[in-house]
PDB file of N, CA and C in Angstrom:
ATOM      1  N   UNK A   1    -104.725  66.203  95.165  1.00  0.00           N
ATOM      2  CA  UNK A   1    -105.915  65.813  94.430  1.00  0.00           C
ATOM      3  C   UNK A   1    -107.084  65.498  95.368  1.00  0.00           C
ATOM      4  N   UNK A   2    -106.812  65.048  96.586  1.00  0.00           N
ATOM      5  CA  UNK A   2    -107.883  64.637  97.494  1.00  0.00           C
ATOM      6  C   UNK A   2    -108.704  65.805  98.026  1.00  0.00           C
ATOM      7  N   UNK A   3    -108.201  67.009  97.863  1.00  0.00           N
ATOM      8  CA  UNK A   3    -108.936  68.186  98.342  1.00  0.00           C
ATOM      9  C   UNK A   3    -110.089  68.561  97.419  1.00  0.00           C
ATOM     10  N   UNK A   4    -109.940  68.269  96.124  1.00  0.00           N
ATOM     11  CA  UNK A   4    -110.946  68.695  95.153  1.00  0.00           C
ATOM     12  C   UNK A   4    -111.678  67.533  94.497  1.00  0.00           C
ATOM     13  N   UNK A   5    -111.175  66.306  94.656  1.00  0.00           N
ATOM     14  CA  UNK A   5    -111.792  65.148  94.013  1.00  0.00           C
ATOM     15  C   UNK A   5    -112.239  64.136  95.055  1.00  0.00           C
ATOM     16  N   UNK A   6    -113.084  63.214  94.615  1.00  0.00           N
ATOM     17  CA  UNK A   6    -113.428  62.084  95.466  1.00  0.00           C
ATOM     18  C   UNK A   6    -112.222  61.160  95.534  1.00  0.00           C
ATOM     19  N   UNK A   7    -112.092  60.470  96.651  1.00  0.00           N
ATOM     20  CA  UNK A   7    -110.933  59.590  96.795  1.00  0.00           C
ATOM     21  C   UNK A   7    -111.311  58.337  97.574  1.00  0.00           C
ATOM     22  N   UNK A   8    -110.470  57.325  97.448  1.00  0.00           N
ATOM     23  CA  UNK A   8    -110.621  56.062  98.164  1.00  0.00           C
ATOM     24  C   UNK A   8    -109.335  55.840  98.954  1.00  0.00           C
ATOM     25  N   UNK A   9    -109.470  55.417 100.193  1.00  0.00           N
ATOM     26  CA  UNK A   9    -108.298  55.179 101.031  1.00  0.00           C
ATOM     27  C   UNK A   9    -107.688  53.836 100.645  1.00  0.00           C
ATOM     28  N   UNK A  10    -106.427  53.859 100.260  1.00  0.00           N
ATOM     29  CA  UNK A  10    -105.707  52.635  99.898  1.00  0.00           C
ATOM     30  C   UNK A  10    -105.027  52.043 101.127  1.00  0.00           C
ATOM     31  N   UNK A  11    -104.369  52.897 101.891  1.00  0.00           N
ATOM     32  CA  UNK A  11    -103.663  52.460 103.099  1.00  0.00           C
ATOM     33  C   UNK A  11    -104.178  53.293 104.263  1.00  0.00           C
ATOM     34  N   UNK A  12    -104.606  52.621 105.318  1.00  0.00           N
ATOM     35  CA  UNK A  12    -105.165  53.315 106.478  1.00  0.00           C
ATOM     36  C   UNK A  12    -104.118  54.205 107.144  1.00  0.00           C
ATOM     37  N   UNK A  13    -104.574  55.027 108.042  1.00  0.00           N
ATOM     38  CA  UNK A  13    -103.728  55.966 108.766  1.00  0.00           C
ATOM     39  C   UNK A  13    -102.635  55.201 109.524  1.00  0.00           C
ATOM     40  N   UNK A  14    -101.383  55.562 109.269  1.00  0.00           N
ATOM     41  CA  UNK A  14    -100.246  54.886 109.898  1.00  0.00           C
ATOM     42  C   UNK A  14     -99.174  55.914 110.237  1.00  0.00           C
ATOM     43  N   UNK A  15     -98.361  55.580 111.221  1.00  0.00           N
ATOM     44  CA  UNK A  15     -97.283  56.473 111.640  1.00  0.00           C
ATOM     45  C   UNK A  15     -96.244  56.584 110.521  1.00  0.00           C
ATOM     46  N   UNK A  16     -95.709  57.775 110.333  1.00  0.00           N
ATOM     47  CA  UNK A  16     -94.682  58.007 109.320  1.00  0.00           C
ATOM     48  C   UNK A  16     -93.359  57.395 109.781  1.00  0.00           C
ATOM     49  N   UNK A  17     -92.620  56.880 108.829  1.00  0.00           N
ATOM     50  CA  UNK A  17     -91.266  56.413 109.140  1.00  0.00           C
ATOM     51  C   UNK A  17     -90.370  57.636 109.313  1.00  0.00           C
ATOM     52  N   UNK A  18     -89.161  57.422 109.814  1.00  0.00           N
ATOM     53  CA  UNK A  18     -88.263  58.568 110.011  1.00  0.00           C
ATOM     54  C   UNK A  18     -87.914  59.226 108.678  1.00  0.00           C
ATOM     55  N   UNK A  19     -87.768  58.421 107.622  1.00  0.00           N
ATOM     56  CA  UNK A  19     -87.489  58.982 106.303  1.00  0.00           C
ATOM     57  C   UNK A  19     -88.673  59.815 105.811  1.00  0.00           C
ATOM     58  N   UNK A  20     -89.887  59.270 105.963  1.00  0.00           N
ATOM     59  CA  UNK A  20     -91.081  59.999 105.523  1.00  0.00           C
ATOM     60  C   UNK A  20     -91.239  61.290 106.317  1.00  0.00           C
ATOM     61  N   UNK A  21     -90.963  61.243 107.613  1.00  0.00           N
ATOM     62  CA  UNK A  21     -91.119  62.432 108.450  1.00  0.00           C
ATOM     63  C   UNK A  21     -90.209  63.562 107.980  1.00  0.00           C
ATOM     64  N   UNK A  22     -89.028  63.216 107.475  1.00  0.00           N
ATOM     65  CA  UNK A  22     -88.099  64.241 107.003  1.00  0.00           C
ATOM     66  C   UNK A  22     -88.403  64.700 105.579  1.00  0.00           C
ATOM     67  N   UNK A  23     -88.921  63.800 104.753  1.00  0.00           N
ATOM     68  CA  UNK A  23     -89.070  64.121 103.338  1.00  0.00           C
ATOM     69  C   UNK A  23     -90.473  64.553 102.928  1.00  0.00           C
ATOM     70  N   UNK A  24     -91.497  64.154 103.666  1.00  0.00           N
ATOM     71  CA  UNK A  24     -92.880  64.467 103.268  1.00  0.00           C
ATOM     72  C   UNK A  24     -93.465  65.574 104.135  1.00  0.00           C
ATOM     73  N   UNK A  25     -94.038  66.565 103.480  1.00  0.00           N
ATOM     74  CA  UNK A  25     -94.662  67.678 104.188  1.00  0.00           C
ATOM     75  C   UNK A  25     -95.893  67.199 104.963  1.00  0.00           C
ATOM     76  N   UNK A  26     -96.595  66.200 104.445  1.00  0.00           N
ATOM     77  CA  UNK A  26     -97.821  65.712 105.071  1.00  0.00           C
ATOM     78  C   UNK A  26     -97.572  65.099 106.454  1.00  0.00           C
ATOM     79  N   UNK A  27     -96.367  64.606 106.682  1.00  0.00           N
ATOM     80  CA  UNK A  27     -96.051  63.947 107.959  1.00  0.00           C
ATOM     81  C   UNK A  27     -95.798  64.930 109.091  1.00  0.00           C
ATOM     82  N   UNK A  28     -95.430  66.128 108.794  1.00  0.00           N
ATOM     83  CA  UNK A  28     -94.984  67.059 109.834  1.00  0.00           C
ATOM     84  C   UNK A  28     -96.052  67.458 110.851  1.00  0.00           C
ATOM     85  N   UNK A  29     -97.264  67.799 110.446  1.00  0.00           N
ATOM     86  CA  UNK A  29     -98.229  68.273 111.465  1.00  0.00           C
ATOM     87  C   UNK A  29     -98.641  67.203 112.481  1.00  0.00           C
ATOM     88  N   UNK A  30     -98.937  65.990 112.024  1.00  0.00           N
ATOM     89  CA  UNK A  30     -99.467  64.976 112.938  1.00  0.00           C
ATOM     90  C   UNK A  30     -98.559  63.774 113.126  1.00  0.00           C
ATOM     91  N   UNK A  31     -97.666  63.517 112.170  1.00  0.00           N
ATOM     92  CA  UNK A  31     -96.814  62.330 112.241  1.00  0.00           C
ATOM     93  C   UNK A  31     -97.484  61.088 111.681  1.00  0.00           C
ATOM     94  N   UNK A  32     -98.667  61.244 111.092  1.00  0.00           N
ATOM     95  CA  UNK A  32     -99.416  60.127 110.519  1.00  0.00           C
ATOM     96  C   UNK A  32     -99.873  60.500 109.113  1.00  0.00           C
ATOM     97  N   UNK A  33     -99.883  59.514 108.202  1.00  0.00           N
ATOM     98  CA  UNK A  33    -100.390  59.725 106.845  1.00  0.00           C
ATOM     99  C   UNK A  33    -101.213  58.520 106.415  1.00  0.00           C
ATOM    100  N   UNK A  34    -102.075  58.744 105.431  1.00  0.00           N
ATOM    101  CA  UNK A  34    -102.781  57.646 104.786  1.00  0.00           C
ATOM    102  C   UNK A  34    -102.668  57.841 103.283  1.00  0.00           C
ATOM    103  N   UNK A  35    -102.594  56.731 102.570  1.00  0.00           N
ATOM    104  CA  UNK A  35    -102.443  56.772 101.118  1.00  0.00           C
ATOM    105  C   UNK A  35    -103.835  56.717 100.495  1.00  0.00           C
ATOM    106  N   UNK A  36    -104.096  57.631  99.573  1.00  0.00           N
ATOM    107  CA  UNK A  36    -105.404  57.709  98.932  1.00  0.00           C
ATOM    108  C   UNK A  36    -105.255  57.669  97.411  1.00  0.00           C
ATOM    109  N   UNK A  37    -106.282  57.155  96.754  1.00  0.00           N
ATOM    110  CA  UNK A  37    -106.356  57.164  95.295  1.00  0.00           C
ATOM    111  C   UNK A  37    -107.498  58.082  94.893  1.00  0.00           C
ATOM    112  N   UNK A  38    -107.171  59.077  94.127  1.00  0.00           N
ATOM    113  CA  UNK A  38    -108.174  60.057  93.711  1.00  0.00           C
ATOM    114  C   UNK A  38    -108.945  59.548  92.490  1.00  0.00           C
ATOM    115  N   UNK A  39    -110.017  60.249  92.166  1.00  0.00           N
ATOM    116  CA  UNK A  39    -110.851  59.868  91.025  1.00  0.00           C
ATOM    117  C   UNK A  39    -110.075  59.960  89.714  1.00  0.00           C
ATOM    118  N   UNK A  40    -109.045  60.802  89.680  1.00  0.00           N
ATOM    119  CA  UNK A  40    -108.245  60.943  88.460  1.00  0.00           C
ATOM    120  C   UNK A  40    -107.147  59.876  88.379  1.00  0.00           C
ATOM    121  N   UNK A  41    -107.255  58.814  89.176  1.00  0.00           N
ATOM    122  CA  UNK A  41    -106.327  57.674  89.205  1.00  0.00           C
ATOM    123  C   UNK A  41    -104.936  58.057  89.720  1.00  0.00           C
ATOM    124  N   UNK A  42    -104.843  59.188  90.362  1.00  0.00           N
ATOM    125  CA  UNK A  42    -103.575  59.622  90.933  1.00  0.00           C
ATOM    126  C   UNK A  42    -103.530  59.207  92.403  1.00  0.00           C
ATOM    127  N   UNK A  43    -102.398  58.697  92.848  1.00  0.00           N
ATOM    128  CA  UNK A  43    -102.228  58.333  94.253  1.00  0.00           C
ATOM    129  C   UNK A  43    -101.505  59.454  94.977  1.00  0.00           C
ATOM    130  N   UNK A  44    -101.952  59.720  96.200  1.00  0.00           N
ATOM    131  CA  UNK A  44    -101.375  60.818  96.973  1.00  0.00           C
ATOM    132  C   UNK A  44    -101.407  60.441  98.443  1.00  0.00           C
ATOM    133  N   UNK A  45    -100.680  61.190  99.248  1.00  0.00           N
ATOM    134  CA  UNK A  45    -100.690  60.992 100.700  1.00  0.00           C
ATOM    135  C   UNK A  45    -101.450  62.128 101.350  1.00  0.00           C
ATOM    136  N   UNK A  46    -102.194  61.789 102.383  1.00  0.00           N
ATOM    137  CA  UNK A  46    -103.023  62.754 103.089  1.00  0.00           C
ATOM    138  C   UNK A  46    -102.709  62.637 104.575  1.00  0.00           C
ATOM    139  N   UNK A  47    -102.526  63.754 105.246  1.00  0.00           N
ATOM    140  CA  UNK A  47    -102.256  63.679 106.678  1.00  0.00           C
ATOM    141  C   UNK A  47    -103.521  63.266 107.421  1.00  0.00           C
ATOM    142  N   UNK A  48    -103.327  62.596 108.541  1.00  0.00           N
ATOM    143  CA  UNK A  48    -104.468  62.131 109.317  1.00  0.00           C
ATOM    144  C   UNK A  48    -104.068  62.041 110.781  1.00  0.00           C
ATOM    145  N   UNK A  49    -105.026  61.718 111.619  1.00  0.00           N
ATOM    146  CA  UNK A  49    -104.778  61.532 113.039  1.00  0.00           C
ATOM    147  C   UNK A  49    -105.108  60.096 113.392  1.00  0.00           C
ATOM    148  N   UNK A  50    -104.262  59.491 114.183  1.00  0.00           N
ATOM    149  CA  UNK A  50    -104.475  58.120 114.608  1.00  0.00           C
ATOM    150  C   UNK A  50    -105.542  58.087 115.696  1.00  0.00           C
ATOM    151  N   UNK A  51    -106.551  57.260 115.514  1.00  0.00           N
ATOM    152  CA  UNK A  51    -107.616  57.140 116.507  1.00  0.00           C
ATOM    153  C   UNK A  51    -107.078  56.559 117.809  1.00  0.00           C
ATOM    154  N   UNK A  52    -106.156  55.633 117.713  1.00  0.00           N
ATOM    155  CA  UNK A  52    -105.568  55.028 118.915  1.00  0.00           C
ATOM    156  C   UNK A  52    -104.795  56.069 119.702  1.00  0.00           C
ATOM    157  N   UNK A  53    -103.994  56.877 119.008  1.00  0.00           N
ATOM    158  CA  UNK A  53    -103.221  57.919 119.678  1.00  0.00           C
ATOM    159  C   UNK A  53    -104.142  58.969 120.298  1.00  0.00           C
ATOM    160  N   UNK A  54    -105.176  59.355 119.580  1.00  0.00           N
ATOM    161  CA  UNK A  54    -106.134  60.326 120.109  1.00  0.00           C
ATOM    162  C   UNK A  54    -106.817  59.785 121.370  1.00  0.00           C
ATOM    163  N   UNK A  55    -107.196  58.501 121.353  1.00  0.00           N
ATOM    164  CA  UNK A  55    -107.827  57.892 122.528  1.00  0.00           C
ATOM    165  C   UNK A  55    -106.856  57.856 123.694  1.00  0.00           C
ATOM    166  N   UNK A  56    -105.599  57.543 123.417  1.00  0.00           N
ATOM    167  CA  UNK A  56    -104.581  57.498 124.463  1.00  0.00           C
ATOM    168  C   UNK A  56    -104.398  58.877 125.106  1.00  0.00           C
ATOM    169  N   UNK A  57    -104.327  59.910 124.277  1.00  0.00           N
ATOM    170  CA  UNK A  57    -104.185  61.274 124.788  1.00  0.00           C
ATOM    171  C   UNK A  57    -105.413  61.664 125.599  1.00  0.00           C
ATOM    172  N   UNK A  58    -106.603  61.293 125.140  1.00  0.00           N
ATOM    173  CA  UNK A  58    -107.832  61.619 125.863  1.00  0.00           C
ATOM    174  C   UNK A  58    -107.855  60.963 127.241  1.00  0.00           C
ATOM    175  N   UNK A  59    -107.536  59.667 127.311  1.00  0.00           N
ATOM    176  CA  UNK A  59    -107.583  58.978 128.604  1.00  0.00           C
ATOM    177  C   UNK A  59    -106.483  59.461 129.544  1.00  0.00           C
ATOM    178  N   UNK A  60    -105.345  59.873 128.996  1.00  0.00           N
ATOM    179  CA  UNK A  60    -104.306  60.468 129.836  1.00  0.00           C
ATOM    180  C   UNK A  60    -104.815  61.771 130.447  1.00  0.00           C
ATOM    181  N   UNK A  61    -105.517  62.569 129.642  1.00  0.00           N
ATOM    182  CA  UNK A  61    -106.103  63.812 130.138  1.00  0.00           C
ATOM    183  C   UNK A  61    -107.135  63.531 131.224  1.00  0.00           C
ATOM    184  N   UNK A  62    -108.008  62.551 130.991  1.00  0.00           N
ATOM    185  CA  UNK A  62    -109.035  62.209 131.980  1.00  0.00           C
ATOM    186  C   UNK A  62    -108.381  61.749 133.283  1.00  0.00           C
ATOM    187  N   UNK A  63    -107.369  60.909 133.181  1.00  0.00           N
ATOM    188  CA  UNK A  63    -106.666  60.433 134.378  1.00  0.00           C
ATOM    189  C   UNK A  63    -106.007  61.564 135.145  1.00  0.00           C
ATOM    190  N   UNK A  64    -105.391  62.474 134.411  1.00  0.00           N
ATOM    191  CA  UNK A  64    -104.755  63.624 135.054  1.00  0.00           C
ATOM    192  C   UNK A  64    -105.788  64.486 135.763  1.00  0.00           C
ATOM    193  N   UNK A  65    -106.912  64.724 135.121  1.00  0.00           N
ATOM    194  CA  UNK A  65    -107.951  65.545 135.742  1.00  0.00           C
ATOM    195  C   UNK A  65    -108.537  64.863 136.988  1.00  0.00           C
ATOM    196  N   UNK A  66    -108.698  63.540 136.940  1.00  0.00           N
ATOM    197  CA  UNK A  66    -109.186  62.818 138.121  1.00  0.00           C
ATOM    198  C   UNK A  66    -108.190  62.912 139.267  1.00  0.00           C
ATOM    199  N   UNK A  67    -106.905  62.773 138.960  1.00  0.00           N
ATOM    200  CA  UNK A  67    -105.883  62.861 140.001  1.00  0.00           C
ATOM    201  C   UNK A  67    -105.848  64.257 140.615  1.00  0.00           C
ATOM    202  N   UNK A  68    -105.872  65.274 139.769  1.00  0.00           N
ATOM    203  CA  UNK A  68    -105.830  66.653 140.273  1.00  0.00           C
ATOM    204  C   UNK A  68    -107.074  66.962 141.095  1.00  0.00           C
ATOM    205  N   UNK A  69    -108.241  66.545 140.620  1.00  0.00           N
ATOM    206  CA  UNK A  69    -109.467  66.828 141.366  1.00  0.00           C
ATOM    207  C   UNK A  69    -109.489  66.057 142.690  1.00  0.00           C
ATOM    208  N   UNK A  70    -108.932  64.858 142.712  1.00  0.00           N
ATOM    209  CA  UNK A  70    -108.859  64.103 143.973  1.00  0.00           C
ATOM    210  C   UNK A  70    -107.946  64.798 144.971  1.00  0.00           C
ATOM    211  N   UNK A  71    -106.801  65.276 144.502  1.00  0.00           N
ATOM    212  CA  UNK A  71    -105.873  65.985 145.396  1.00  0.00           C
ATOM    213  C   UNK A  71    -106.532  67.233 145.964  1.00  0.00           C
ATOM    214  N   UNK A  72    -107.182  68.012 145.118  1.00  0.00           N
ATOM    215  CA  UNK A  72    -107.843  69.220 145.611  1.00  0.00           C
ATOM    216  C   UNK A  72    -109.029  68.889 146.514  1.00  0.00           C
ATOM    217  N   UNK A  73    -109.727  67.788 146.251  1.00  0.00           N
ATOM    218  CA  UNK A  73    -110.804  67.363 147.143  1.00  0.00           C
ATOM    219  C   UNK A  73    -110.287  67.034 148.534  1.00  0.00           C
ATOM    220  N   UNK A  74    -109.160  66.324 148.599  1.00  0.00           N
ATOM    221  CA  UNK A  74    -108.545  66.014 149.892  1.00  0.00           C
ATOM    222  C   UNK A  74    -108.105  67.295 150.595  1.00  0.00           C
ATOM    223  N   UNK A  75    -107.529  68.227 149.842  1.00  0.00           N
ATOM    224  CA  UNK A  75    -107.118  69.503 150.443  1.00  0.00           C
ATOM    225  C   UNK A  75    -108.301  70.284 150.997  1.00  0.00           C
ATOM    226  N   UNK A  76    -109.423  70.261 150.309  1.00  0.00           N
ATOM    227  CA  UNK A  76    -110.620  70.963 150.778  1.00  0.00           C
ATOM    228  C   UNK A  76    -111.112  70.344 152.083  1.00  0.00           C
ATOM    229  N   UNK A  77    -111.170  69.018 152.150  1.00  0.00           N
ATOM    230  CA  UNK A  77    -111.617  68.345 153.376  1.00  0.00           C
ATOM    231  C   UNK A  77    -110.666  68.648 154.526  1.00  0.00           C
ATOM    232  N   UNK A  78    -109.351  68.593 154.261  1.00  0.00           N
ATOM    233  CA  UNK A  78    -108.365  68.883 155.296  1.00  0.00           C
ATOM    234  C   UNK A  78    -108.503  70.325 155.797  1.00  0.00           C
ATOM    235  N   UNK A  79    -108.635  71.270 154.880  1.00  0.00           N
ATOM    236  CA  UNK A  79    -108.777  72.682 155.254  1.00  0.00           C
ATOM    237  C   UNK A  79    -110.064  72.901 156.048  1.00  0.00           C
ATOM    238  N   UNK A  80    -111.131  72.237 155.660  1.00  0.00           N
ATOM    239  CA  UNK A  80    -112.394  72.385 156.390  1.00  0.00           C
ATOM    240  C   UNK A  80    -112.253  71.877 157.817  1.00  0.00           C
ATOM    241  N   UNK A  81    -111.556  70.765 158.013  1.00  0.00           N
ATOM    242  CA  UNK A  81    -111.340  70.233 159.361  1.00  0.00           C
ATOM    243  C   UNK A  81    -110.493  71.183 160.207  1.00  0.00           C
ATOM    244  N   UNK A  82    -109.461  71.780 159.589  1.00  0.00           N
ATOM    245  CA  UNK A  82    -108.633  72.745 160.318  1.00  0.00           C
ATOM    246  C   UNK A  82    -109.482  73.934 160.745  1.00  0.00           C
ATOM    247  N   UNK A  83    -110.302  74.453 159.861  1.00  0.00           N
ATOM    248  CA  UNK A  83    -111.152  75.601 160.195  1.00  0.00           C
ATOM    249  C   UNK A  83    -112.186  75.233 161.254  1.00  0.00           C
ATOM    250  N   UNK A  84    -112.745  74.018 161.179  1.00  0.00           N
ATOM    251  CA  UNK A  84    -113.700  73.573 162.196  1.00  0.00           C
ATOM    252  C   UNK A  84    -113.033  73.486 163.566  1.00  0.00           C
ATOM    253  N   UNK A  85    -111.793  72.959 163.621  1.00  0.00           N
ATOM    254  CA  UNK A  85    -111.063  72.886 164.891  1.00  0.00           C
ATOM    255  C   UNK A  85    -110.797  74.262 165.457  1.00  0.00           C
ATOM    256  N   UNK A  86    -110.402  75.208 164.602  1.00  0.00           N
ATOM    257  CA  UNK A  86    -110.148  76.576 165.062  1.00  0.00           C
ATOM    258  C   UNK A  86    -111.427  77.215 165.607  1.00  0.00           C
ATOM    259  N   UNK A  87    -112.540  77.017 164.913  1.00  0.00           N
ATOM    260  CA  UNK A  87    -113.816  77.580 165.368  1.00  0.00           C
ATOM    261  C   UNK A  87    -114.233  76.948 166.689  1.00  0.00           C
ATOM    262  N   UNK A  88    -114.052  75.633 166.828  1.00  0.00           N
ATOM    263  CA  UNK A  88    -114.398  74.937 168.068  1.00  0.00           C
ATOM    264  C   UNK A  88    -113.519  75.427 169.218  1.00  0.00           C
ATOM    265  N   UNK A  89    -112.242  75.627 168.941  1.00  0.00           N
ATOM    266  CA  UNK A  89    -111.323  76.137 169.972  1.00  0.00           C
ATOM    267  C   UNK A  89    -111.723  77.547 170.392  1.00  0.00           C
ATOM    268  N   UNK A  90    -112.115  78.382 169.454  1.00  0.00           N
ATOM    269  CA  UNK A  90    -112.546  79.749 169.762  1.00  0.00           C
ATOM    270  C   UNK A  90    -113.800  79.737 170.628  1.00  0.00           C
ATOM    271  N   UNK A  91    -114.759  78.866 170.292  1.00  0.00           N
ATOM    272  CA  UNK A  91    -115.991  78.758 171.083  1.00  0.00           C
ATOM    273  C   UNK A  91    -115.665  78.261 172.487  1.00  0.00           C
ATOM    274  N   UNK A  92    -114.750  77.261 172.576  1.00  0.00           N
ATOM    275  CA  UNK A  92    -114.374  76.727 173.894  1.00  0.00           C
ATOM    276  C   UNK A  92    -113.742  77.791 174.760  1.00  0.00           C
ATOM    277  N   UNK A  93    -112.868  78.640 174.168  1.00  0.00           N
ATOM    278  CA  UNK A  93    -112.229  79.720 174.931  1.00  0.00           C
ATOM    279  C   UNK A  93    -113.246  80.751 175.393  1.00  0.00           C
ATOM    280  N   UNK A  94    -114.237  81.033 174.539  1.00  0.00           N
ATOM    281  CA  UNK A  94    -115.281  81.998 174.919  1.00  0.00           C
ATOM    282  C   UNK A  94    -116.116  81.463 176.079  1.00  0.00           C
ATOM    283  N   UNK A  95    -116.403  80.173 176.038  1.00  0.00           N
ATOM    284  CA  UNK A  95    -117.195  79.572 177.118  1.00  0.00           C
ATOM    285  C   UNK A  95    -116.394  79.560 178.416  1.00  0.00           C
ATOM    286  N   UNK A  96    -115.097  79.271 178.343  1.00  0.00           N
ATOM    287  CA  UNK A  96    -114.242  79.248 179.536  1.00  0.00           C
ATOM    288  C   UNK A  96    -114.099  80.625 180.155  1.00  0.00           C
ATOM    289  N   UNK A  97    -114.150  81.655 179.334  1.00  0.00           N
ATOM    290  CA  UNK A  97    -113.975  83.018 179.876  1.00  0.00           C
ATOM    291  C   UNK A  97    -115.207  83.536 180.604  1.00  0.00           C
ATOM    292  N   UNK A  98    -116.304  82.840 180.479  1.00  0.00           N
ATOM    293  CA  UNK A  98    -117.546  83.282 181.149  1.00  0.00           C
ATOM    294  C   UNK A  98    -117.512  82.943 182.607  1.00  0.00           C
TER     295      UNK A  98
END
């Protein structure tokens, strides 16, 4: 009913219980449901996403990206130093051969 009618949220978005997860189709995609009352006075469940869970996933992603970028930044600096040493050694050998 909530797809075609106006509705009011009775129960906020909450994690499905193990029984609900097995018995309700709405629980399967996200694992969260909210109870709504439609304009026709019918109560129904609607799948939803938890804002707390979404924020947790986002910050985990940000942390992972910071860690990966830090590791690659260190590798770039290390590689640049190795190349600088090789170039300096090559120049030193050229000067010694003169």
